[in-house]
Amino acid sequence: MIPDFFNSPEPMTHIGAWRSILGLLIVLFATFVGVEIHIGNEDEES
């Protein structure tokens, strides 16, 4: 029973790592979408 308790924090670290990677991907995606919208607005004005 005790080894199970000590092994439980490890999956939490993987979840934390995946959460960080997912957050980074969302930020990068939002940046590219923002640039695309900005370029689209410049095309409409000219």
PDB file of N, CA and C in Angstrom:
ATOM      1  N   MET A   1       0.828  -1.209   0.000  1.00  0.00           N
ATOM      2  CA  MET A   1       0.000   0.000   0.000  1.00  0.00           C
ATOM      3  C   MET A   1       0.865   1.264   0.000  1.00  0.00           C
ATOM      4  N   ILE A   2       1.934   1.244   0.776  1.00  0.00           N
ATOM      5  CA  ILE A   2       2.764   2.453   0.890  1.00  0.00           C
ATOM      6  C   ILE A   2       3.458   2.798  -0.438  1.00  0.00           C
ATOM      7  N   PRO A   3       4.010   1.851  -1.204  1.00  0.00           N
ATOM      8  CA  PRO A   3       4.621   2.211  -2.492  1.00  0.00           C
ATOM      9  C   PRO A   3       3.632   2.889  -3.449  1.00  0.00           C
ATOM     10  N   ASP A   4       2.359   2.508  -3.414  1.00  0.00           N
ATOM     11  CA  ASP A   4       1.371   3.175  -4.262  1.00  0.00           C
ATOM     12  C   ASP A   4       1.271   4.651  -3.914  1.00  0.00           C
ATOM     13  N   PHE A   5       1.374   4.954  -2.637  1.00  0.00           N
ATOM     14  CA  PHE A   5       1.289   6.350  -2.209  1.00  0.00           C
ATOM     15  C   PHE A   5       2.468   7.157  -2.756  1.00  0.00           C
ATOM     16  N   PHE A   6       3.667   6.547  -2.748  1.00  0.00           N
ATOM     17  CA  PHE A   6       4.853   7.268  -3.226  1.00  0.00           C
ATOM     18  C   PHE A   6       4.875   7.376  -4.749  1.00  0.00           C
ATOM     19  N   ASN A   7       4.233   6.464  -5.453  1.00  0.00           N
ATOM     20  CA  ASN A   7       4.184   6.514  -6.912  1.00  0.00           C
ATOM     21  C   ASN A   7       3.136   7.509  -7.414  1.00  0.00           C
ATOM     22  N   SER A   8       2.178   7.892  -6.591  1.00  0.00           N
ATOM     23  CA  SER A   8       1.092   8.757  -7.061  1.00  0.00           C
ATOM     24  C   SER A   8       1.541  10.163  -7.475  1.00  0.00           C
ATOM     25  N   PRO A   9       2.555  10.790  -6.865  1.00  0.00           N
ATOM     26  CA  PRO A   9       2.937  12.138  -7.342  1.00  0.00           C
ATOM     27  C   PRO A   9       3.489  12.157  -8.766  1.00  0.00           C
ATOM     28  N   GLU A  10       4.031  11.047  -9.265  1.00  0.00           N
ATOM     29  CA  GLU A  10       4.645  11.058 -10.599  1.00  0.00           C
ATOM     30  C   GLU A  10       3.641  11.366 -11.713  1.00  0.00           C
ATOM     31  N   PRO A  11       2.468  10.737 -11.765  1.00  0.00           N
ATOM     32  CA  PRO A  11       1.504  11.119 -12.812  1.00  0.00           C
ATOM     33  C   PRO A  11       1.087  12.586 -12.720  1.00  0.00           C
ATOM     34  N   MET A  12       1.085  13.159 -11.528  1.00  0.00           N
ATOM     35  CA  MET A  12       0.740  14.574 -11.385  1.00  0.00           C
ATOM     36  C   MET A  12       1.784  15.444 -12.086  1.00  0.00           C
ATOM     37  N   THR A  13       3.059  15.020 -12.059  1.00  0.00           N
ATOM     38  CA  THR A  13       4.090  15.808 -12.748  1.00  0.00           C
ATOM     39  C   THR A  13       3.878  15.740 -14.245  1.00  0.00           C
ATOM     40  N   HIS A  14       3.474  14.571 -14.748  1.00  0.00           N
ATOM     41  CA  HIS A  14       3.204  14.445 -16.179  1.00  0.00           C
ATOM     42  C   HIS A  14       2.000  15.308 -16.563  1.00  0.00           C
ATOM     43  N   ILE A  15       0.994  15.346 -15.713  1.00  0.00           N
ATOM     44  CA  ILE A  15      -0.181  16.182 -15.988  1.00  0.00           C
ATOM     45  C   ILE A  15       0.237  17.653 -16.012  1.00  0.00           C
ATOM     46  N   GLY A  16       1.091  18.049 -15.105  1.00  0.00           N
ATOM     47  CA  GLY A  16       1.583  19.427 -15.082  1.00  0.00           C
ATOM     48  C   GLY A  16       2.368  19.771 -16.334  1.00  0.00           C
ATOM     49  N   ALA A  17       3.185  18.831 -16.785  1.00  0.00           N
ATOM     50  CA  ALA A  17       3.976  19.054 -18.004  1.00  0.00           C
ATOM     51  C   ALA A  17       3.059  19.166 -19.214  1.00  0.00           C
ATOM     52  N   TRP A  18       2.068  18.262 -19.312  1.00  0.00           N
ATOM     53  CA  TRP A  18       1.131  18.309 -20.446  1.00  0.00           C
ATOM     54  C   TRP A  18       0.328  19.593 -20.412  1.00  0.00           C
ATOM     55  N   ARG A  19      -0.036  20.052 -19.202  1.00  0.00           N
ATOM     56  CA  ARG A  19      -0.808  21.292 -19.086  1.00  0.00           C
ATOM     57  C   ARG A  19       0.032  22.470 -19.574  1.00  0.00           C
ATOM     58  N   SER A  20       1.323  22.475 -19.254  1.00  0.00           N
ATOM     59  CA  SER A  20       2.207  23.550 -19.720  1.00  0.00           C
ATOM     60  C   SER A  20       2.354  23.525 -21.238  1.00  0.00           C
ATOM     61  N   ILE A  21       2.544  22.340 -21.791  1.00  0.00           N
ATOM     62  CA  ILE A  21       2.686  22.208 -23.252  1.00  0.00           C
ATOM     63  C   ILE A  21       1.402  22.631 -23.946  1.00  0.00           C
ATOM     64  N   LEU A  22       0.270  22.200 -23.413  1.00  0.00           N
ATOM     65  CA  LEU A  22      -1.012  22.570 -24.010  1.00  0.00           C
ATOM     66  C   LEU A  22      -1.226  24.080 -23.947  1.00  0.00           C
ATOM     67  N   GLY A  23      -0.885  24.687 -22.825  1.00  0.00           N
ATOM     68  CA  GLY A  23      -1.009  26.146 -22.701  1.00  0.00           C
ATOM     69  C   GLY A  23      -0.128  26.868 -23.707  1.00  0.00           C
ATOM     70  N   LEU A  24       1.087  26.373 -23.896  1.00  0.00           N
ATOM     71  CA  LEU A  24       1.999  26.990 -24.857  1.00  0.00           C
ATOM     72  C   LEU A  24       1.451  26.875 -26.276  1.00  0.00           C
ATOM     73  N   LEU A  25       0.893  25.717 -26.616  1.00  0.00           N
ATOM     74  CA  LEU A  25       0.311  25.541 -27.948  1.00  0.00           C
ATOM     75  C   LEU A  25      -0.880  26.475 -28.156  1.00  0.00           C
ATOM     76  N   ILE A  26      -1.691  26.661 -27.124  1.00  0.00           N
ATOM     77  CA  ILE A  26      -2.836  27.570 -27.240  1.00  0.00           C
ATOM     78  C   ILE A  26      -2.357  28.999 -27.464  1.00  0.00           C
ATOM     79  N   VAL A  27      -1.322  29.403 -26.740  1.00  0.00           N
ATOM     80  CA  VAL A  27      -0.778  30.764 -26.909  1.00  0.00           C
ATOM     81  C   VAL A  27      -0.221  30.944 -28.314  1.00  0.00           C
ATOM     82  N   LEU A  28       0.528  29.963 -28.817  1.00  0.00           N
ATOM     83  CA  LEU A  28       1.081  30.057 -30.171  1.00  0.00           C
ATOM     84  C   LEU A  28      -0.036  30.107 -31.216  1.00  0.00           C
ATOM     85  N   PHE A  29      -1.056  29.278 -31.037  1.00  0.00           N
ATOM     86  CA  PHE A  29      -2.178  29.267 -31.974  1.00  0.00           C
ATOM     87  C   PHE A  29      -2.888  30.620 -31.961  1.00  0.00           C
ATOM     88  N   ALA A  30      -3.125  31.170 -30.773  1.00  0.00           N
ATOM     89  CA  ALA A  30      -3.790  32.465 -30.662  1.00  0.00           C
ATOM     90  C   ALA A  30      -2.941  33.562 -31.306  1.00  0.00           C
ATOM     91  N   THR A  31      -1.617  33.473 -31.177  1.00  0.00           N
ATOM     92  CA  THR A  31      -0.731  34.463 -31.788  1.00  0.00           C
ATOM     93  C   THR A  31      -0.849  34.417 -33.310  1.00  0.00           C
ATOM     94  N   PHE A  32      -0.817  33.214 -33.876  1.00  0.00           N
ATOM     95  CA  PHE A  32      -0.922  33.082 -35.330  1.00  0.00           C
ATOM     96  C   PHE A  32      -2.285  33.544 -35.828  1.00  0.00           C
ATOM     97  N   VAL A  33      -3.347  33.247 -35.091  1.00  0.00           N
ATOM     98  CA  VAL A  33      -4.682  33.689 -35.486  1.00  0.00           C
ATOM     99  C   VAL A  33      -4.751  35.215 -35.429  1.00  0.00           C
ATOM    100  N   GLY A  34      -4.161  35.803 -34.397  1.00  0.00           N
ATOM    101  CA  GLY A  34      -4.142  37.265 -34.280  1.00  0.00           C
ATOM    102  C   GLY A  34      -3.391  37.913 -35.430  1.00  0.00           C
ATOM    103  N   VAL A  35      -2.273  37.331 -35.824  1.00  0.00           N
ATOM    104  CA  VAL A  35      -1.501  37.861 -36.955  1.00  0.00           C
ATOM    105  C   VAL A  35      -2.306  37.728 -38.233  1.00  0.00           C
ATOM    106  N   GLU A  36      -2.987  36.622 -38.405  1.00  0.00           N
ATOM    107  CA  GLU A  36      -3.800  36.391 -39.604  1.00  0.00           C
ATOM    108  C   GLU A  36      -4.922  37.419 -39.695  1.00  0.00           C
ATOM    109  N   ILE A  37      -5.587  37.682 -38.576  1.00  0.00           N
ATOM    110  CA  ILE A  37      -6.668  38.672 -38.560  1.00  0.00           C
ATOM    111  C   ILE A  37      -6.111  40.060 -38.856  1.00  0.00           C
ATOM    112  N   HIS A  38      -4.948  40.378 -38.288  1.00  0.00           N
ATOM    113  CA  HIS A  38      -4.323  41.685 -38.501  1.00  0.00           C
ATOM    114  C   HIS A  38      -3.966  41.857 -39.981  1.00  0.00           C
ATOM    115  N   ILE A  39      -3.405  40.834 -40.597  1.00  0.00           N
ATOM    116  CA  ILE A  39      -3.055  40.916 -42.030  1.00  0.00           C
ATOM    117  C   ILE A  39      -4.340  41.045 -42.847  1.00  0.00           C
ATOM    118  N   GLY A  40      -5.384  40.311 -42.480  1.00  0.00           N
ATOM    119  CA  GLY A  40      -6.649  40.391 -43.189  1.00  0.00           C
ATOM    120  C   GLY A  40      -7.240  41.782 -43.114  1.00  0.00           C
ATOM    121  N   ASN A  41      -7.130  42.444 -41.975  1.00  0.00           N
ATOM    122  CA  ASN A  41      -7.648  43.804 -41.840  1.00  0.00           C
ATOM    123  C   ASN A  41      -6.865  44.789 -42.698  1.00  0.00           C
ATOM    124  N   GLU A  42      -5.574  44.602 -42.822  1.00  0.00           N
ATOM    125  CA  GLU A  42      -4.768  45.490 -43.669  1.00  0.00           C
ATOM    126  C   GLU A  42      -5.151  45.329 -45.126  1.00  0.00           C
ATOM    127  N   ASP A  43      -5.443  44.113 -45.542  1.00  0.00           N
ATOM    128  CA  ASP A  43      -5.838  43.886 -46.939  1.00  0.00           C
ATOM    129  C   ASP A  43      -7.166  44.561 -47.261  1.00  0.00           C
ATOM    130  N   GLU A  44      -8.104  44.579 -46.326  1.00  0.00           N
ATOM    131  CA  GLU A  44      -9.409  45.178 -46.557  1.00  0.00           C
ATOM    132  C   GLU A  44      -9.314  46.698 -46.660  1.00  0.00           C
ATOM    133  N   GLU A  45      -8.390  47.314 -45.889  1.00  0.00           N
ATOM    134  CA  GLU A  45      -8.278  48.782 -45.885  1.00  0.00           C
ATOM    135  C   GLU A  45      -7.684  49.299 -47.179  1.00  0.00           C
ATOM    136  N   SER A  46      -6.766  48.564 -47.792  1.00  0.00           N
ATOM    137  CA  SER A  46      -6.101  49.084 -48.994  1.00  0.00           C
ATOM    138  C   SER A  46      -6.797  48.685 -50.273  1.00  0.00           C
TER     139      SER A  46
END
